[in-house]
C-alpha atoms as a PDB file:
ATOM      1  CA  MET A   1     -34.465-178.676 -18.314  1.00  0.00           C
ATOM      2  CA  LYS A   2     -30.958-179.912 -18.936  1.00  0.00           C
ATOM      3  CA  TYR A   3     -31.875-180.482 -22.612  1.00  0.00           C
ATOM      4  CA  LYS A   4     -33.096-176.923 -23.060  1.00  0.00           C
ATOM      5  CA  THR A   5     -29.932-175.539 -21.509  1.00  0.00           C
ATOM      6  CA  SER A   6     -27.741-177.371 -24.032  1.00  0.00           C
ATOM      7  CA  GLN A   7     -29.637-175.785 -26.940  1.00  0.00           C
ATOM      8  CA  GLN A   8     -29.292-172.114 -25.922  1.00  0.00           C
ATOM      9  CA  GLY A   9     -28.001-169.870 -28.765  1.00  0.00           C
ATOM     10  CA  ALA A  10     -28.679-172.296 -31.648  1.00  0.00           C
ATOM     11  CA  THR A  11     -31.628-170.256 -32.935  1.00  0.00           C
ATOM     12  CA  LEU A  12     -29.559-167.067 -32.919  1.00  0.00           C
ATOM     13  CA  ILE A  13     -26.825-168.701 -34.977  1.00  0.00           C
ATOM     14  CA  VAL A  14     -29.343-169.929 -37.564  1.00  0.00           C
ATOM     15  CA  VAL A  15     -30.930-166.469 -37.812  1.00  0.00           C
ATOM     16  CA  LEU A  16     -27.523-164.846 -38.274  1.00  0.00           C
ATOM     17  CA  ILE A  17     -26.646-167.260 -41.057  1.00  0.00           C
ATOM     18  CA  ILE A  18     -29.955-166.535 -42.811  1.00  0.00           C
ATOM     19  CA  LEU A  19     -29.346-162.780 -42.478  1.00  0.00           C
ATOM     20  CA  LEU A  20     -25.862-163.221 -43.924  1.00  0.00           C
ATOM     21  CA  PHE A  21     -27.225-165.022 -46.983  1.00  0.00           C
ATOM     22  CA  MET A  22     -29.936-162.393 -47.425  1.00  0.00           C
ATOM     23  CA  THR A  23     -27.321-159.627 -47.231  1.00  0.00           C
ATOM     24  CA  ILE A  24     -25.158-161.329 -49.865  1.00  0.00           C
ATOM     25  CA  ILE A  25     -28.120-161.862 -52.184  1.00  0.00           C
ATOM     26  CA  GLY A  26     -29.249-158.256 -51.703  1.00  0.00           C
ATOM     27  CA  THR A  27     -25.750-156.922 -52.408  1.00  0.00           C
ATOM     28  CA  LEU A  28     -25.494-158.970 -55.615  1.00  0.00           C
ATOM     29  CA  ALA A  29     -28.927-157.764 -56.727  1.00  0.00           C
ATOM     30  CA  ILE A  30     -27.975-154.108 -56.118  1.00  0.00           C
ATOM     31  CA  ARG A  31     -24.679-154.549 -57.962  1.00  0.00           C
ATOM     32  CA  GLN A  32     -26.454-156.148 -60.920  1.00  0.00           C
ATOM     33  CA  SER A  33     -28.949-153.284 -60.984  1.00  0.00           C
ATOM     34  CA  LEU A  34     -26.136-150.725 -60.967  1.00  0.00           C
ATOM     35  CA  VAL A  35     -24.392-152.507 -63.839  1.00  0.00           C
ATOM     36  CA  SER A  36     -27.626-152.532 -65.853  1.00  0.00           C
ATOM     37  CA  LEU A  37     -28.167-148.848 -65.067  1.00  0.00           C
ATOM     38  CA  ASN A  38     -24.645-147.967 -66.193  1.00  0.00           C
ATOM     39  CA  ILE A  39     -25.126-149.886 -69.438  1.00  0.00           C
ATOM     40  CA  ALA A  40     -28.414-148.096 -70.110  1.00  0.00           C
ATOM     41  CA  THR A  41     -26.843-144.714 -69.269  1.00  0.00           C
ATOM     42  CA  ASN A  42     -23.859-145.350 -71.541  1.00  0.00           C
ATOM     43  CA  GLY A  43     -26.151-146.416 -74.367  1.00  0.00           C
ATOM     44  CA  GLN A  44     -28.252-143.291 -74.004  1.00  0.00           C
ATOM     45  CA  ALA A  45     -25.153-141.085 -73.787  1.00  0.00           C
ATOM     46  CA  GLN A  46     -23.694-142.600 -76.967  1.00  0.00           C
ATOM     47  CA  GLN A  47     -26.977-142.048 -78.783  1.00  0.00           C
ATOM     48  CA  LEU A  48     -27.176-138.405 -77.706  1.00  0.00           C
ATOM     49  CA  MET A  49     -23.595-137.712 -78.779  1.00  0.00           C
ATOM     50  CA  LEU A  50     -24.061-139.395 -82.158  1.00  0.00           C
ATOM     51  CA  GLN A  51     -27.196-137.369 -82.802  1.00  0.00           C
ATOM     52  CA  SER A  52     -25.384-134.140 -81.916  1.00  0.00           C
ATOM     53  CA  SER A  53     -22.512-134.944 -84.284  1.00  0.00           C
ATOM     54  CA  ASP A  54     -24.953-135.807 -87.078  1.00  0.00           C
ATOM     55  CA  ALA A  55     -26.835-132.547 -86.572  1.00  0.00           C
ATOM     56  CA  ALA A  56     -23.632-130.508 -86.819  1.00  0.00           C
ATOM     57  CA  ILE A  57     -22.452-132.282 -89.982  1.00  0.00           C
ATOM     58  CA  PHE A  58     -25.880-131.892 -91.615  1.00  0.00           C
ATOM     59  CA  GLN A  59     -25.611-128.151 -91.036  1.00  0.00           C
ATOM     60  CA  VAL A  60     -22.260-128.082 -92.835  1.00  0.00           C
ATOM     61  CA  GLU A  61     -23.846-129.922 -95.769  1.00  0.00           C
ATOM     62  CA  ASP A  62     -26.680-127.397 -95.998  1.00  0.00           C
ATOM     63  CA  SER A  63     -27.159-125.900 -99.454  1.00  0.00           C
ATOM     64  CA  THR A  64     -26.747-122.403 -98.025  1.00  0.00           C
ATOM     65  CA  GLN A  65     -23.226-123.212 -96.934  1.00  0.00           C
ATOM     66  CA  LEU A  66     -22.389-124.856-100.262  1.00  0.00           C
ATOM     67  CA  SER A  67     -23.684-121.858-102.221  1.00  0.00           C
ATOM     68  CA  ARG A  68     -21.144-119.619-100.447  1.00  0.00           C
ATOM     69  CA  TYR A  69     -18.249-122.002-101.060  1.00  0.00           C
ATOM     70  CA  GLY A  70     -16.246-119.424-103.002  1.00  0.00           C
ATOM     71  CA  TYR A  71     -16.464-116.663-100.383  1.00  0.00           C
ATOM     72  CA  SER A  72     -13.487-116.163 -98.070  1.00  0.00           C
ATOM     73  CA  ASP A  73     -15.756-115.364 -95.102  1.00  0.00           C
ATOM     74  CA  SER A  74     -17.815-118.534 -95.406  1.00  0.00           C
ATOM     75  CA  LEU A  75     -17.723-121.822 -93.539  1.00  0.00           C
ATOM     76  CA  LEU A  76     -16.132-123.678 -96.459  1.00  0.00           C
ATOM     77  CA  GLY A  77     -14.578-120.835 -98.413  1.00  0.00           C
ATOM     78  CA  TYR A  78     -12.024-119.662 -95.856  1.00  0.00           C
ATOM     79  CA  PRO A  79     -10.275-123.019 -95.260  1.00  0.00           C
ATOM     80  CA  SER A  80     -10.305-123.833 -98.993  1.00  0.00           C
ATOM     81  CA  LYS A  81      -8.018-120.909 -99.887  1.00  0.00           C
ATOM     82  CA  THR A  82      -4.512-121.920-100.934  1.00  0.00           C
ATOM     83  CA  GLU A  83      -2.895-120.105 -98.011  1.00  0.00           C
ATOM     84  CA  ASN A  84      -5.187-121.901 -95.540  1.00  0.00           C
ATOM     85  CA  ILE A  85      -4.746-125.478 -96.765  1.00  0.00           C
ATOM     86  CA  GLY A  86      -3.936-127.696 -93.783  1.00  0.00           C
ATOM     87  CA  LYS A  87      -5.353-125.293 -91.203  1.00  0.00           C
ATOM     88  CA  GLU A  88      -8.317-126.415 -89.112  1.00  0.00           C
ATOM     89  CA  ILE A  89     -11.296-124.096 -88.872  1.00  0.00           C
ATOM     90  CA  VAL A  90     -12.887-124.724 -85.478  1.00  0.00           C
ATOM     91  CA  PHE A  91     -16.332-123.801 -84.219  1.00  0.00           C
ATOM     92  CA  CYS A  92     -18.565-124.922 -81.372  1.00  0.00           C
ATOM     93  CA  TYR A  93     -22.028-126.131 -82.354  1.00  0.00           C
ATOM     94  CA  ARG A  94     -24.104-124.012 -79.973  1.00  0.00           C
ATOM     95  CA  GLY A  95     -27.714-125.105 -80.194  1.00  0.00           C
ATOM     96  CA  THR A  96     -29.082-121.910 -78.664  1.00  0.00           C
ATOM     97  CA  GLN A  97     -27.566-119.588 -81.271  1.00  0.00           C
ATOM     98  CA  SER A  98     -29.874-118.104 -83.896  1.00  0.00           C
ATOM     99  CA  ASN A  99     -27.379-118.584 -86.720  1.00  0.00           C
ATOM    100  CA  PHE A 100     -25.521-121.866 -87.003  1.00  0.00           C
ATOM    101  CA  PHE A 101     -22.361-120.308 -88.411  1.00  0.00           C
ATOM    102  CA  ASP A 102     -20.996-116.902 -87.506  1.00  0.00           C
ATOM    103  CA  PHE A 103     -17.601-116.117 -89.017  1.00  0.00           C
ATOM    104  CA  SER A 104     -16.746-113.916 -86.030  1.00  0.00           C
ATOM    105  CA  LYS A 105     -17.031-116.953 -83.765  1.00  0.00           C
ATOM    106  CA  ILE A 106     -14.513-119.314 -85.345  1.00  0.00           C
ATOM    107  CA  SER A 107     -10.974-120.189 -84.366  1.00  0.00           C
ATOM    108  CA  VAL A 108      -8.050-121.543 -86.355  1.00  0.00           C
ATOM    109  CA  MET A 109      -5.717-124.357 -85.323  1.00  0.00           C
ATOM    110  CA  GLU A 110      -2.549-124.457 -87.391  1.00  0.00           C
ATOM    111  CA  TRP A 111       0.952-125.881 -87.213  1.00  0.00           C
ATOM    112  CA  LEU A 112       3.384-123.205 -88.356  1.00  0.00           C
ATOM    113  CA  ASP A 113       6.779-124.002 -89.835  1.00  0.00           C
ATOM    114  CA  GLY A 114       9.442-124.124 -87.161  1.00  0.00           C
ATOM    115  CA  ASP A 115       7.001-124.478 -84.241  1.00  0.00           C
ATOM    116  CA  ALA A 116       7.217-127.546 -81.996  1.00  0.00           C
ATOM    117  CA  ALA A 117       3.454-127.677 -81.478  1.00  0.00           C
ATOM    118  CA  PRO A 118       0.226-126.358 -83.063  1.00  0.00           C
ATOM    119  CA  THR A 119      -1.181-122.962 -82.141  1.00  0.00           C
ATOM    120  CA  GLY A 120      -4.809-121.912 -81.989  1.00  0.00           C
ATOM    121  CA  THR A 121      -4.793-118.191 -81.274  1.00  0.00           C
ATOM    122  CA  THR A 122      -4.741-116.742 -84.801  1.00  0.00           C
ATOM    123  CA  LEU A 123      -8.433-115.762 -84.802  1.00  0.00           C
ATOM    124  CA  GLY A 124      -9.059-115.854 -81.057  1.00  0.00           C
ATOM    125  CA  SER A 125     -10.761-118.492 -78.922  1.00  0.00           C
ATOM    126  CA  GLU A 126     -14.464-117.972 -79.725  1.00  0.00           C
ATOM    127  CA  GLY A 127     -14.591-121.136 -81.803  1.00  0.00           C
ATOM    128  CA  TYR A 128     -13.650-123.551 -79.037  1.00  0.00           C
ATOM    129  CA  CYS A 129     -16.271-125.133 -76.823  1.00  0.00           C
ATOM    130  CA  SER A 130     -15.606-124.300 -73.180  1.00  0.00           C
ATOM    131  CA  VAL A 131     -16.585-126.328 -70.129  1.00  0.00           C
ATOM    132  CA  GLY A 132     -17.455-124.302 -67.035  1.00  0.00           C
ATOM    133  CA  SER A 133     -20.181-123.215 -64.648  1.00  0.00           C
ATOM    134  CA  THR A 134     -21.218-120.326 -66.910  1.00  0.00           C
ATOM    135  CA  SER A 135     -20.756-122.172 -70.190  1.00  0.00           C
ATOM    136  CA  ASN A 136     -23.521-121.967 -72.769  1.00  0.00           C
ATOM    137  CA  ASP A 137     -21.745-124.042 -75.390  1.00  0.00           C
ATOM    138  CA  PHE A 138     -24.079-127.033 -75.288  1.00  0.00           C
ATOM    139  CA  THR A 139     -25.995-128.316 -78.286  1.00  0.00           C
ATOM    140  CA  SER A 140     -29.372-128.003 -76.527  1.00  0.00           C
ATOM    141  CA  GLY A 141     -31.054-126.620 -73.449  1.00  0.00           C
ATOM    142  CA  ARG A 142     -30.487-129.905 -71.646  1.00  0.00           C
ATOM    143  CA  GLN A 143     -26.832-128.851 -71.235  1.00  0.00           C
ATOM    144  CA  ALA A 144     -25.606-132.412 -71.590  1.00  0.00           C
ATOM    145  CA  VAL A 145     -23.665-132.620 -74.870  1.00  0.00           C
ATOM    146  CA  MET A 146     -21.046-130.372 -76.452  1.00  0.00           C
ATOM    147  CA  THR A 147     -20.024-130.714 -80.106  1.00  0.00           C
ATOM    148  CA  GLN A 148     -16.907-129.127 -81.587  1.00  0.00           C
ATOM    149  CA  VAL A 149     -16.432-129.222 -85.355  1.00  0.00           C
ATOM    150  CA  THR A 150     -13.239-128.778 -87.377  1.00  0.00           C
ATOM    151  CA  ILE A 151     -13.006-128.270 -91.140  1.00  0.00           C
ATOM    152  CA  GLN A 152      -9.686-128.878 -92.851  1.00  0.00           C
ATOM    153  CA  PHE A 153      -8.873-128.808 -96.552  1.00  0.00           C
ATOM    154  CA  VAL A 154      -5.905-130.956 -97.539  1.00  0.00           C
ATOM    155  CA  ASN A 155      -3.851-131.483-100.664  1.00  0.00           C
ATOM    156  CA  SER A 156      -5.487-134.330-102.553  1.00  0.00           C
ATOM    157  CA  GLU A 157      -3.169-136.642-104.439  1.00  0.00           C
ATOM    158  CA  SER A 158      -4.907-138.847-106.996  1.00  0.00           C
ATOM    159  CA  SER A 159      -3.628-142.360-107.415  1.00  0.00           C
ATOM    160  CA  GLN A 160      -4.790-142.474-111.044  1.00  0.00           C
ATOM    161  CA  PRO A 161      -4.712-139.855-113.825  1.00  0.00           C
ATOM    162  CA  PHE A 162      -7.927-137.762-114.049  1.00  0.00           C
ATOM    163  CA  GLU A 163      -9.352-139.648-111.040  1.00  0.00           C
ATOM    164  CA  ASN A 164     -11.302-136.627-109.773  1.00  0.00           C
ATOM    165  CA  ALA A 165     -12.048-135.014-113.144  1.00  0.00           C
ATOM    166  CA  LEU A 166     -15.636-134.695-114.348  1.00  0.00           C
ATOM    167  CA  LEU A 167     -16.508-136.840-117.343  1.00  0.00           C
ATOM    168  CA  GLY A 168     -16.646-134.841-120.583  1.00  0.00           C
ATOM    169  CA  THR A 169     -14.766-131.800-119.314  1.00  0.00           C
ATOM    170  CA  ASP A 170     -11.323-130.376-119.902  1.00  0.00           C
ATOM    171  CA  THR A 171      -9.924-128.263-117.068  1.00  0.00           C
ATOM    172  CA  GLN A 172      -7.737-126.250-119.448  1.00  0.00           C
ATOM    173  CA  THR A 173     -10.624-125.419-121.786  1.00  0.00           C
ATOM    174  CA  THR A 174     -13.393-124.863-119.233  1.00  0.00           C
ATOM    175  CA  LYS A 175     -11.102-123.193-116.682  1.00  0.00           C
ATOM    176  CA  LEU A 176     -12.842-125.021-113.868  1.00  0.00           C
ATOM    177  CA  PRO A 177     -11.225-124.779-110.414  1.00  0.00           C
ATOM    178  CA  GLU A 178      -9.321-127.802-109.217  1.00  0.00           C
ATOM    179  CA  ASN A 179     -11.248-130.299-107.129  1.00  0.00           C
ATOM    180  CA  GLN A 180     -10.584-130.060-103.423  1.00  0.00           C
ATOM    181  CA  LYS A 181     -10.726-132.511-100.532  1.00  0.00           C
ATOM    182  CA  ALA A 182     -12.031-131.563 -97.093  1.00  0.00           C
ATOM    183  CA  ILE A 183     -12.003-133.490 -93.829  1.00  0.00           C
ATOM    184  CA  ILE A 184     -14.616-132.671 -91.212  1.00  0.00           C
ATOM    185  CA  HIS A 185     -14.343-133.890 -87.613  1.00  0.00           C
ATOM    186  CA  ALA A 186     -17.304-133.639 -85.245  1.00  0.00           C
ATOM    187  CA  VAL A 187     -16.337-134.429 -81.648  1.00  0.00           C
ATOM    188  CA  SER A 188     -19.217-134.681 -79.176  1.00  0.00           C
ATOM    189  CA  LEU A 189     -18.601-135.075 -75.460  1.00  0.00           C
ATOM    190  CA  MET A 190     -20.491-135.192 -72.159  1.00  0.00           C
ATOM    191  CA  PRO A 191     -18.436-133.376 -69.490  1.00  0.00           C
ATOM    192  CA  THR A 192     -20.993-134.087 -66.757  1.00  0.00           C
ATOM    193  CA  LEU A 193     -20.213-137.820 -66.929  1.00  0.00           C
ATOM    194  CA  SER A 194     -16.501-137.246 -66.369  1.00  0.00           C
ATOM    195  CA  SER A 195     -14.418-136.639 -63.264  1.00  0.00           C
ATOM    196  CA  ALA A 196     -11.806-134.693 -65.266  1.00  0.00           C
ATOM    197  CA  SER A 197     -11.347-131.018 -64.413  1.00  0.00           C
ATOM    198  CA  ASP A 198     -12.823-128.312 -66.621  1.00  0.00           C
ATOM    199  CA  ASP A 199      -9.356-126.939 -67.372  1.00  0.00           C
ATOM    200  CA  SER A 200      -8.098-130.344 -68.548  1.00  0.00           C
ATOM    201  CA  ILE A 201     -11.054-130.796 -70.905  1.00  0.00           C
ATOM    202  CA  ASN A 202     -10.718-127.239 -72.218  1.00  0.00           C
ATOM    203  CA  THR A 203      -7.049-127.920 -72.933  1.00  0.00           C
ATOM    204  CA  CYS A 204      -8.047-130.838 -75.176  1.00  0.00           C
ATOM    205  CA  LEU A 205     -10.548-128.673 -77.052  1.00  0.00           C
ATOM    206  CA  SER A 206      -8.401-125.564 -77.508  1.00  0.00           C
ATOM    207  CA  LYS A 207      -4.811-126.891 -77.635  1.00  0.00           C
ATOM    208  CA  ARG A 208      -5.114-129.998 -79.831  1.00  0.00           C
ATOM    209  CA  MET A 209      -5.794-130.549 -83.536  1.00  0.00           C
ATOM    210  CA  SER A 210      -8.179-133.154 -84.889  1.00  0.00           C
ATOM    211  CA  ASN A 211      -5.775-134.076 -87.691  1.00  0.00           C
ATOM    212  CA  PRO A 212      -2.282-132.844 -86.730  1.00  0.00           C
ATOM    213  CA  VAL A 213       0.445-132.986 -89.359  1.00  0.00           C
ATOM    214  CA  ALA A 214       3.862-131.704 -88.295  1.00  0.00           C
ATOM    215  CA  PRO A 215       5.693-129.532 -90.848  1.00  0.00           C
ATOM    216  CA  SER A 216       8.732-131.138 -92.432  1.00  0.00           C
ATOM    217  CA  GLY A 217      11.832-130.915 -90.280  1.00  0.00           C
ATOM    218  CA  VAL A 218       9.893-130.169 -87.081  1.00  0.00           C
ATOM    219  CA  VAL A 219      10.530-132.235 -83.976  1.00  0.00           C
ATOM    220  CA  ALA A 220       7.188-132.364 -82.167  1.00  0.00           C
ATOM    221  CA  THR A 221       6.905-132.082 -78.402  1.00  0.00           C
ATOM    222  CA  GLY A 222       5.424-134.871 -76.268  1.00  0.00           C
ATOM    223  CA  THR A 223       1.718-134.110 -76.745  1.00  0.00           C
ATOM    224  CA  ALA A 224       1.937-132.010 -79.908  1.00  0.00           C
ATOM    225  CA  THR A 225       0.691-134.800 -82.177  1.00  0.00           C
ATOM    226  CA  GLN A 226      -2.045-135.858 -79.763  1.00  0.00           C
ATOM    227  CA  THR A 227      -5.488-135.403 -81.314  1.00  0.00           C
ATOM    228  CA  VAL A 228      -8.544-133.959 -79.587  1.00  0.00           C
ATOM    229  CA  SER A 229     -10.021-137.461 -79.373  1.00  0.00           C
ATOM    230  CA  GLN A 230      -6.858-138.976 -77.917  1.00  0.00           C
ATOM    231  CA  CYS A 231      -6.669-136.211 -75.334  1.00  0.00           C
ATOM    232  CA  LEU A 232     -10.274-136.769 -74.216  1.00  0.00           C
ATOM    233  CA  ALA A 233      -9.745-140.533 -74.125  1.00  0.00           C
ATOM    234  CA  ALA A 234      -6.742-140.085 -71.830  1.00  0.00           C
ATOM    235  CA  LEU A 235      -8.998-138.161 -69.432  1.00  0.00           C
ATOM    236  CA  ASN A 236     -11.742-140.824 -69.602  1.00  0.00           C
ATOM    237  CA  VAL A 237     -14.232-138.262 -70.904  1.00  0.00           C
ATOM    238  CA  PRO A 238     -17.207-139.861 -72.727  1.00  0.00           C
ATOM    239  CA  PHE A 239     -17.043-138.776 -76.370  1.00  0.00           C
ATOM    240  CA  THR A 240     -17.705-139.803 -79.953  1.00  0.00           C
ATOM    241  CA  THR A 241     -15.857-138.671 -83.067  1.00  0.00           C
ATOM    242  CA  GLN A 242     -17.338-138.677 -86.550  1.00  0.00           C
ATOM    243  CA  VAL A 243     -15.057-138.087 -89.519  1.00  0.00           C
ATOM    244  CA  THR A 244     -16.390-137.276 -92.988  1.00  0.00           C
ATOM    245  CA  ASP A 245     -14.334-136.834 -96.162  1.00  0.00           C
ATOM    246  CA  TYR A 246     -15.647-134.560 -98.911  1.00  0.00           C
ATOM    247  CA  ASN A 247     -14.602-134.075-102.517  1.00  0.00           C
ATOM    248  CA  TYR A 248     -15.690-130.658-103.788  1.00  0.00           C
ATOM    249  CA  THR A 249     -16.029-130.648-107.554  1.00  0.00           C
ATOM    250  CA  PHE A 250     -17.173-128.049-110.065  1.00  0.00           C
ATOM    251  CA  ASN A 251     -19.064-128.372-113.327  1.00  0.00           C
ATOM    252  CA  ILE A 252     -20.361-126.092-116.052  1.00  0.00           C
ATOM    253  CA  SER A 253     -24.105-126.209-115.383  1.00  0.00           C
ATOM    254  CA  THR A 254     -24.021-125.418-111.666  1.00  0.00           C
ATOM    255  CA  GLU A 255     -21.723-123.445-109.428  1.00  0.00           C
ATOM    256  CA  GLN A 256     -20.502-126.478-107.527  1.00  0.00           C
ATOM    257  CA  THR A 257     -21.508-129.883-106.310  1.00  0.00           C
ATOM    258  CA  ALA A 258     -20.261-131.807-103.310  1.00  0.00           C
ATOM    259  CA  THR A 259     -19.997-135.533-102.795  1.00  0.00           C
ATOM    260  CA  ALA A 260     -19.276-136.929 -99.363  1.00  0.00           C
ATOM    261  CA  ALA A 261     -18.011-140.278 -98.185  1.00  0.00           C
ATOM    262  CA  ALA A 262     -18.083-141.027 -94.473  1.00  0.00           C
ATOM    263  CA  GLY A 263     -14.771-141.973 -92.993  1.00  0.00           C
END
């Protein structure tokens, strides 16, 4: 009897130790599962955003858009005009819309001489994707990904004489238009995977340029030169940015041809 009395509580201690080890092992297993789930979710999110950006860029490359290159109310014609060089034409790739491009639903981001920051109110705000409870600016009915596209024509400076000229042509004789360079940014984001406020995300989309260039002599404000991508990154919003450079050239046999090199 004395022996049994000296052993009271030993079994309880052993059981508690076993429970402690089981709890630790279970916690580690749950943590590992969460890490694996996050990796899988991030991989799927990246894939969805890349696909959305590709789909938007493919629409820009469509032959219908290229055939209207010379029209001032077209996707590529408006920003290619001399007075619009450097401006960014912005539109939201809304997957539910019947027509991919509607000129009445574009916006313009531009940096005017003398201004300390870009402005995007010239043609209204219809072109910017908007995050909110009533937003219908997603690329599909899943309402997971938004894609905002900007088209900007820039002055192209050739490093070599006749670098962009077509072989066998003379611009003075044929009167062909000068070749032009365009930069297209497709920014896809997933607001639902971010803790940032809707207003903060909308500020990135409607107050920032994808390729800001301050006019000569302008002293930019603190965030004026911040790009859309940099703004989203600062908010920890999941996003991808695809940049494509295009050289638009003209020849005699067809109205125009376009060659693109991904940036």
